[in-house]
Amino acid sequence: MQDPRITELARQLVRYSTSLKKGEKVLIDLYDVPESIGIALVREARSVGASPVIKIHSSQITREMMRGATDEQYGIIAKHLLSEMKDMNAYIAIRGSNNIAENSDVPAERMKLAMGKMRPVIDHRVKKTKWCVLRWPTASMAQQAGMSTEAFEDFYFQACLLNYKAYLPAANALKKLMDQTSDVHIKGPGTDLKFSIKDIPSIVCAGTCNIPDGEVFTAPVKNSVEGVIYYNAPTIYQGIPFDGIKLTFAQGKIVKAEAAGKNKEINRILDSDPGARYIGEFALGFHPHIRHAMRDILFDEKICGSFHFTPGQAYEEADNGNRSQVHWDMVNIQRKDMGGGEMYFDGKLVRKDGMFLPKALQKLNG
């Protein structure tokens, strides 16, 4: 028997997140997930008159492809994938994995090559299609979260099936406040950070592109970042887990990067290209059901009472001009149980210990 939550999730992705319409084409990318969600998405896409195109992937095969990546090989792959993406109106990707570190032994230069070749495909998908990306609950994800498989599945569906529309008024109020703000000052344990967001648009994310959702993002003026930040949430990038990351900035640039026992690894990633040492995104997370990090960024960047400050590529919608093949969402949680902290907009305290103070924003406090 089909879990009714799978059907409900497929309906939300098709009818709300991507708003598929009759005659549109949608590419459904499935990575190590059960057939049930693929079938539900195909049926739901057809029910609105859209044409689904399915691709099925294996993370282990993808790893093997990247381990031997060459310019010629990934040039061909990118050429055909870009042609396919240009023929689509929408894109839905569901990504499961039994091993979050599957790519940890892919040589750095091969990873860089593959990611560089795939950038035009990703750029077209983000800029030119209606798209939505989400993870799929697995036993390994439950283990990361320190939960039983059943409990994690319940948490997953609760988070993904949130009534996002109910949060739009407060999220739009936060956007308005950020759009009016020039200077940001963030303080907390190990953190004293100042930067400007003047004249850079802020964008509400409430159930469309990334599921689970729940953030408002912008970008700092590229050369404005000064000070130090300590990220108290664990993270993983290019298959490598990191803890206790600390970044020091001068004139927008990361001039010192530290990570518990992995200084060499973090600096190798930040040396991928010049833009990797500048920040491409600043965002505030407010999902009420996501409260603890689990090394899965689609969840962790939405943590209630958190913000992320992202080395690398800026989004076109909130563009500070930074360009990089890196986009690494690193998270700081400011709730009292995580050490607390303050966030000031133009000198006014707007969030303390992860709680918004203005009345119009208090729905976002979870």
Protein backbone atom coordinates (compact mmCIF):
# COMPACT_ATOMS: atom_id res chain seq x y z
CA MET A 1 0.00 0.00 0.00
CA GLN A 2 1.30 3.45 -0.96
CA ASP A 3 2.10 5.70 2.02
CA PRO A 4 -0.45 8.54 1.64
CA ARG A 5 2.26 11.03 2.66
CA ILE A 6 4.18 10.18 -0.53
CA THR A 7 1.14 11.01 -2.64
CA GLU A 8 0.63 14.22 -0.67
CA LEU A 9 4.29 15.20 -1.14
CA ALA A 10 4.12 14.57 -4.91
CA ARG A 11 0.99 16.70 -5.11
CA GLN A 12 2.67 19.55 -3.25
CA LEU A 13 5.77 19.42 -5.48
CA VAL A 14 3.74 19.42 -8.68
CA ARG A 15 0.88 21.76 -7.81
CA TYR A 16 2.54 24.22 -5.40
CA SER A 17 6.34 24.09 -5.58
CA THR A 18 6.68 23.98 -9.38
CA SER A 19 3.08 24.92 -10.29
CA LEU A 20 3.12 22.61 -13.30
CA LYS A 21 0.64 23.47 -16.04
CA LYS A 22 -0.92 21.63 -18.93
CA GLY A 23 1.53 21.17 -21.80
CA GLU A 24 4.67 21.79 -19.73
CA LYS A 25 7.59 19.36 -19.63
CA VAL A 26 9.17 18.38 -16.32
CA LEU A 27 12.45 16.54 -15.82
CA ILE A 28 12.24 14.31 -12.74
CA ASP A 29 15.73 13.35 -11.49
CA LEU A 30 15.74 10.45 -9.02
CA TYR A 31 18.91 9.60 -7.07
CA ASP A 32 18.82 6.37 -5.04
CA VAL A 33 15.14 6.65 -4.12
CA PRO A 34 12.28 4.11 -4.11
CA GLU A 35 10.06 3.72 -7.15
CA SER A 36 7.04 4.84 -5.12
CA ILE A 37 7.95 8.53 -5.16
CA GLY A 38 8.81 8.40 -8.87
CA ILE A 39 5.47 6.78 -9.67
CA ALA A 40 3.61 9.34 -7.53
CA LEU A 41 5.34 12.22 -9.33
CA VAL A 42 4.62 10.78 -12.78
CA ARG A 43 0.95 10.32 -11.92
CA GLU A 44 0.63 13.77 -10.41
CA ALA A 45 2.37 15.48 -13.36
CA ARG A 46 0.06 13.70 -15.79
CA SER A 47 -2.97 14.66 -13.70
CA VAL A 48 -2.32 18.35 -14.46
CA GLY A 49 -1.58 17.68 -18.13
CA ALA A 50 2.22 17.96 -17.92
CA SER A 51 4.68 15.60 -19.62
CA PRO A 52 7.09 13.90 -17.16
CA VAL A 53 10.60 12.81 -18.23
CA ILE A 54 12.32 10.47 -15.77
CA LYS A 55 16.05 9.97 -15.14
CA ILE A 56 17.30 7.47 -12.55
CA HIS A 57 20.78 7.77 -11.01
CA SER A 58 23.08 5.82 -8.70
CA SER A 59 25.39 7.71 -6.34
CA GLN A 60 27.98 4.92 -6.57
CA ILE A 61 28.04 5.07 -10.37
CA THR A 62 28.21 8.86 -10.24
CA ARG A 63 31.21 8.57 -7.90
CA GLU A 64 32.97 6.23 -10.31
CA MET A 65 32.32 8.60 -13.20
CA MET A 66 33.83 11.54 -11.28
CA ARG A 67 36.86 9.56 -10.12
CA GLY A 68 37.94 9.29 -13.75
CA ALA A 69 36.58 12.64 -14.95
CA THR A 70 38.20 14.15 -18.04
CA ASP A 71 37.56 17.33 -19.98
CA GLU A 72 36.31 15.34 -22.96
CA GLN A 73 34.03 13.08 -20.93
CA TYR A 74 32.33 15.82 -18.89
CA GLY A 75 32.25 18.16 -21.86
CA ILE A 76 30.08 15.60 -23.67
CA ILE A 77 27.95 14.97 -20.59
CA ALA A 78 27.39 18.68 -19.96
CA LYS A 79 26.57 19.33 -23.62
CA HIS A 80 23.79 16.75 -23.69
CA LEU A 81 22.44 17.61 -20.23
CA LEU A 82 22.29 21.30 -21.10
CA SER A 83 20.41 20.52 -24.32
CA GLU A 84 17.96 18.40 -22.34
CA MET A 85 17.51 21.06 -19.64
CA LYS A 86 16.80 23.73 -22.27
CA ASP A 87 13.88 21.61 -23.47
CA MET A 88 12.26 21.54 -20.01
CA ASN A 89 9.87 23.94 -18.30
CA ALA A 90 10.42 22.49 -14.83
CA TYR A 91 12.79 20.29 -12.85
CA ILE A 92 12.20 18.14 -9.75
CA ALA A 93 15.11 16.28 -8.14
CA ILE A 94 14.80 13.84 -5.26
CA ARG A 95 18.10 12.73 -3.84
CA GLY A 96 18.60 9.82 -1.50
CA SER A 97 21.88 8.28 -0.43
CA ASN A 98 22.95 5.52 1.89
CA ASN A 99 26.34 7.19 2.39
CA ILE A 100 26.71 10.97 2.65
CA ALA A 101 30.49 10.57 2.28
CA GLU A 102 30.21 8.66 -1.03
CA ASN A 103 32.31 11.24 -2.88
CA SER A 104 34.90 11.78 -0.15
CA ASP A 105 37.60 9.88 -2.07
CA VAL A 106 36.99 11.55 -5.43
CA PRO A 107 40.28 13.37 -6.22
CA ALA A 108 39.91 17.11 -5.68
CA GLU A 109 41.01 18.02 -9.20
CA ARG A 110 38.48 15.60 -10.70
CA MET A 111 35.70 17.00 -8.53
CA LYS A 112 36.65 20.53 -9.56
CA LEU A 113 36.66 19.56 -13.23
CA ALA A 114 33.26 17.87 -13.06
CA MET A 115 31.65 20.71 -11.11
CA GLY A 116 33.08 23.30 -13.48
CA LYS A 117 31.71 21.52 -16.54
CA MET A 118 28.28 21.11 -14.95
CA ARG A 119 27.94 24.75 -13.90
CA PRO A 120 26.19 25.89 -17.13
CA VAL A 121 23.60 23.11 -16.68
CA ILE A 122 22.91 24.14 -13.10
CA ASP A 123 22.82 27.82 -14.03
CA HIS A 124 20.24 27.21 -16.75
CA ARG A 125 18.11 25.08 -14.46
CA VAL A 126 18.15 27.71 -11.70
CA LYS A 127 17.63 30.72 -13.95
CA LYS A 128 15.37 29.37 -16.68
CA THR A 129 13.15 26.64 -15.21
CA LYS A 130 10.73 26.19 -12.33
CA TRP A 131 12.73 23.89 -10.10
CA CYS A 132 12.54 22.05 -6.81
CA VAL A 133 15.13 19.88 -5.06
CA LEU A 134 14.73 17.70 -1.98
CA ARG A 135 16.35 14.82 -0.15
CA TRP A 136 14.72 11.47 0.53
CA PRO A 137 14.66 9.94 4.02
CA THR A 138 17.03 7.00 4.46
CA ALA A 139 18.35 4.99 7.38
CA SER A 140 21.71 6.79 7.07
CA MET A 141 19.98 10.18 7.35
CA ALA A 142 18.14 8.95 10.43
CA GLN A 143 21.47 7.86 11.88
CA GLN A 144 22.98 11.31 11.16
CA ALA A 145 20.05 12.89 12.97
CA GLY A 146 20.36 10.50 15.91
CA MET A 147 16.84 9.17 15.36
CA SER A 148 15.18 5.86 14.61
CA THR A 149 14.26 5.32 10.96
CA GLU A 150 10.54 5.55 11.69
CA ALA A 151 10.87 8.68 13.83
CA PHE A 152 13.01 10.33 11.18
CA GLU A 153 10.49 9.56 8.44
CA ASP A 154 7.77 11.17 10.56
CA PHE A 155 9.98 14.24 11.05
CA TYR A 156 10.80 14.35 7.33
CA PHE A 157 7.21 14.40 6.16
CA GLN A 158 6.21 16.87 8.88
CA ALA A 159 8.98 19.22 7.73
CA CYS A 160 8.36 18.82 3.99
CA LEU A 161 4.58 19.09 4.18
CA LEU A 162 4.56 22.30 6.23
CA ASN A 163 1.82 24.77 5.32
CA TYR A 164 4.27 27.23 3.80
CA LYS A 165 1.57 29.70 2.75
CA ALA A 166 0.86 30.42 6.40
CA TYR A 167 4.37 31.82 6.83
CA LEU A 168 4.32 34.09 3.78
CA PRO A 169 3.05 37.28 5.53
CA ALA A 170 5.81 37.20 8.16
CA ALA A 171 8.43 36.14 5.61
CA ASN A 172 7.42 39.03 3.36
CA ALA A 173 7.69 41.39 6.35
CA LEU A 174 11.23 40.12 6.94
CA LYS A 175 12.03 40.69 3.27
CA LYS A 176 10.75 44.27 3.51
CA LEU A 177 12.91 44.90 6.58
CA MET A 178 16.01 43.43 4.95
CA ASP A 179 15.41 45.45 1.76
CA GLN A 180 15.39 48.62 3.88
CA THR A 181 18.55 47.67 5.79
CA SER A 182 22.04 48.84 5.04
CA ASP A 183 24.32 47.55 7.80
CA VAL A 184 24.19 44.19 9.61
CA HIS A 185 26.06 43.36 12.81
CA ILE A 186 26.00 39.82 14.21
CA LYS A 187 27.39 38.90 17.62
CA GLY A 188 27.62 35.61 19.48
CA PRO A 189 30.10 33.09 20.90
CA GLY A 190 33.18 33.33 18.68
CA THR A 191 31.36 35.69 16.29
CA ASP A 192 31.61 39.44 15.74
CA LEU A 193 30.71 40.16 12.13
CA LYS A 194 29.80 43.34 10.26
CA PHE A 195 28.73 43.80 6.63
CA SER A 196 26.38 45.72 4.34
CA ILE A 197 23.37 44.43 2.41
CA LYS A 198 22.49 47.85 0.99
CA ASP A 199 20.65 47.77 -2.36
CA ILE A 200 20.85 43.97 -2.73
CA PRO A 201 17.37 42.38 -2.98
CA SER A 202 16.19 39.83 -0.44
CA ILE A 203 14.26 36.77 -1.56
CA VAL A 204 11.54 34.82 0.27
CA CYS A 205 11.79 31.03 0.10
CA ALA A 206 8.57 29.40 1.25
CA GLY A 207 8.02 25.98 -0.27
CA THR A 208 9.14 26.42 -3.86
CA CYS A 209 12.76 25.68 -4.78
CA ASN A 210 14.19 23.72 -1.85
CA ILE A 211 12.09 21.37 0.27
CA PRO A 212 11.96 21.61 3.22
CA ASP A 213 11.98 25.39 2.93
CA GLY A 214 11.86 28.39 5.21
CA GLU A 215 14.36 31.22 4.75
CA VAL A 216 14.84 34.72 3.43
CA PHE A 217 18.15 35.30 1.69
CA THR A 218 20.20 38.12 0.24
CA ALA A 219 23.95 38.70 -0.15
CA PRO A 220 26.46 41.02 1.49
CA VAL A 221 28.12 43.77 -0.52
CA LYS A 222 31.12 41.78 -1.71
CA ASN A 223 33.94 43.77 -0.11
CA SER A 224 32.03 44.86 3.01
CA VAL A 225 32.48 41.83 5.29
CA GLU A 226 34.71 42.41 8.32
CA GLY A 227 35.33 40.38 11.45
CA VAL A 228 35.06 36.77 12.48
CA ILE A 229 32.37 34.09 12.48
CA TYR A 230 32.22 30.72 14.23
CA TYR A 231 29.81 28.18 12.74
CA ASN A 232 28.41 26.00 15.53
CA ALA A 233 26.54 23.64 13.17
CA PRO A 234 28.41 20.69 11.65
CA THR A 235 28.51 20.58 7.86
CA ILE A 236 29.63 18.41 4.96
CA TYR A 237 31.02 19.53 1.62
CA GLN A 238 32.32 17.45 -1.29
CA GLY A 239 31.73 14.40 0.89
CA ILE A 240 33.99 15.66 3.71
CA PRO A 241 32.48 16.34 7.18
CA PHE A 242 33.59 19.53 8.96
CA ASP A 243 33.09 20.78 12.52
CA GLY A 244 33.93 24.02 14.31
CA ILE A 245 34.59 26.16 11.24
CA LYS A 246 35.94 29.64 11.97
CA LEU A 247 36.40 32.26 9.25
CA THR A 248 38.15 35.63 9.53
CA PHE A 249 37.37 38.41 7.02
CA ALA A 250 39.09 41.56 5.82
CA GLN A 251 37.57 43.73 3.07
CA GLY A 252 35.15 40.93 2.23
CA LYS A 253 37.78 38.22 1.77
CA ILE A 254 38.29 35.14 3.95
CA VAL A 255 41.88 35.73 5.08
CA LYS A 256 41.94 32.87 7.58
CA ALA A 257 39.94 29.63 7.59
CA GLU A 258 40.04 27.04 10.36
CA ALA A 259 38.16 23.78 10.93
CA ALA A 260 38.69 21.31 13.74
CA GLY A 261 41.46 19.01 12.48
CA LYS A 262 40.81 19.88 8.82
CA ASN A 263 42.50 23.20 8.11
CA LYS A 264 44.15 21.77 4.99
CA GLU A 265 40.86 20.45 3.59
CA ILE A 266 38.86 23.65 4.15
CA ASN A 267 41.56 25.85 2.63
CA ARG A 268 41.84 23.56 -0.40
CA ILE A 269 38.11 24.06 -1.07
CA LEU A 270 38.30 27.82 -0.49
CA ASP A 271 41.23 28.00 -2.92
CA SER A 272 39.15 26.42 -5.73
CA ASP A 273 38.89 29.86 -7.36
CA PRO A 274 39.11 33.52 -6.25
CA GLY A 275 35.36 33.81 -5.57
CA ALA A 276 35.37 30.95 -3.07
CA ARG A 277 36.93 33.26 -0.46
CA TYR A 278 34.11 35.80 -0.72
CA ILE A 279 30.52 35.47 0.53
CA GLY A 280 27.71 34.87 -1.94
CA GLU A 281 24.71 34.54 0.38
CA PHE A 282 23.39 35.68 3.75
CA ALA A 283 20.13 34.06 4.87
CA LEU A 284 17.92 33.70 7.93
CA GLY A 285 16.27 30.32 8.57
CA PHE A 286 12.90 29.90 10.29
CA HIS A 287 11.45 26.40 9.75
CA PRO A 288 9.55 25.64 12.99
CA HIS A 289 10.17 21.88 12.96
CA ILE A 290 13.88 21.90 12.06
CA ARG A 291 15.92 22.69 15.15
CA HIS A 292 19.14 20.68 15.04
CA ALA A 293 21.85 20.16 12.43
CA MET A 294 22.24 16.79 10.73
CA ARG A 295 24.90 17.51 8.06
CA ASP A 296 22.26 17.81 5.37
CA ILE A 297 22.20 21.36 4.10
CA LEU A 298 18.68 21.27 2.63
CA PHE A 299 17.52 20.81 6.23
CA ASP A 300 20.25 22.57 8.19
CA GLU A 301 20.04 25.93 6.38
CA LYS A 302 16.37 26.20 7.42
CA ILE A 303 16.96 25.63 11.16
CA CYS A 304 14.73 27.79 13.34
CA GLY A 305 16.78 30.62 14.85
CA SER A 306 19.71 30.17 12.48
CA PHE A 307 21.46 32.09 9.74
CA HIS A 308 23.84 30.91 7.05
CA PHE A 309 26.74 32.84 5.62
CA THR A 310 27.88 31.21 2.41
CA PRO A 311 31.31 31.28 0.78
CA GLY A 312 31.15 31.21 -3.01
CA GLN A 313 28.65 31.80 -5.79
CA ALA A 314 25.95 34.44 -5.39
CA TYR A 315 22.43 33.84 -6.69
CA GLU A 316 21.30 35.94 -9.62
CA GLU A 317 18.17 37.07 -7.74
CA ALA A 318 20.30 38.60 -4.96
CA ASP A 319 23.54 39.24 -6.77
CA ASN A 320 26.62 40.87 -5.28
CA GLY A 321 28.71 39.95 -8.32
CA ASN A 322 30.61 37.07 -6.73
CA ARG A 323 31.30 34.11 -8.99
CA SER A 324 32.64 30.73 -7.96
CA GLN A 325 32.15 27.02 -8.53
CA VAL A 326 31.79 26.80 -4.73
CA HIS A 327 28.53 27.49 -2.88
CA TRP A 328 28.94 26.24 0.68
CA ASP A 329 26.09 27.01 3.07
CA MET A 330 27.64 27.15 6.54
CA VAL A 331 25.21 27.54 9.44
CA ASN A 332 25.25 29.36 12.78
CA ILE A 333 22.38 28.65 15.21
CA GLN A 334 21.69 31.55 17.56
CA ARG A 335 19.02 30.05 19.81
CA LYS A 336 19.73 30.21 23.54
CA ASP A 337 20.23 26.44 23.75
CA MET A 338 23.05 26.80 21.18
CA GLY A 339 24.83 29.67 22.90
CA GLY A 340 22.63 32.58 21.87
CA GLY A 341 23.54 35.70 19.95
CA GLU A 342 22.28 39.02 18.64
CA MET A 343 21.56 40.37 15.17
CA TYR A 344 21.36 44.11 14.52
CA PHE A 345 19.98 45.84 11.42
CA ASP A 346 21.23 49.44 11.15
CA GLY A 347 22.06 49.39 14.84
CA LYS A 348 18.64 48.08 15.98
CA LEU A 349 18.39 44.69 17.66
CA VAL A 350 16.00 42.62 15.49
CA ARG A 351 16.75 39.08 16.69
CA LYS A 352 18.05 37.90 20.06
CA ASP A 353 18.88 34.28 20.88
CA GLY A 354 17.26 33.23 17.60
CA MET A 355 13.96 35.03 18.31
CA PHE A 356 12.72 37.88 16.13
CA LEU A 357 11.69 40.91 18.18
CA PRO A 358 9.49 42.96 15.75
CA LYS A 359 5.86 41.92 16.09
CA ALA A 360 5.40 41.40 12.34
CA LEU A 361 8.17 38.78 12.35
CA GLN A 362 7.22 36.77 15.43
CA LYS A 363 5.37 34.08 13.41
CA LEU A 364 8.87 33.06 12.25
CA ASN A 365 9.98 32.20 15.79
CA GLY A 366 8.57 28.65 15.55
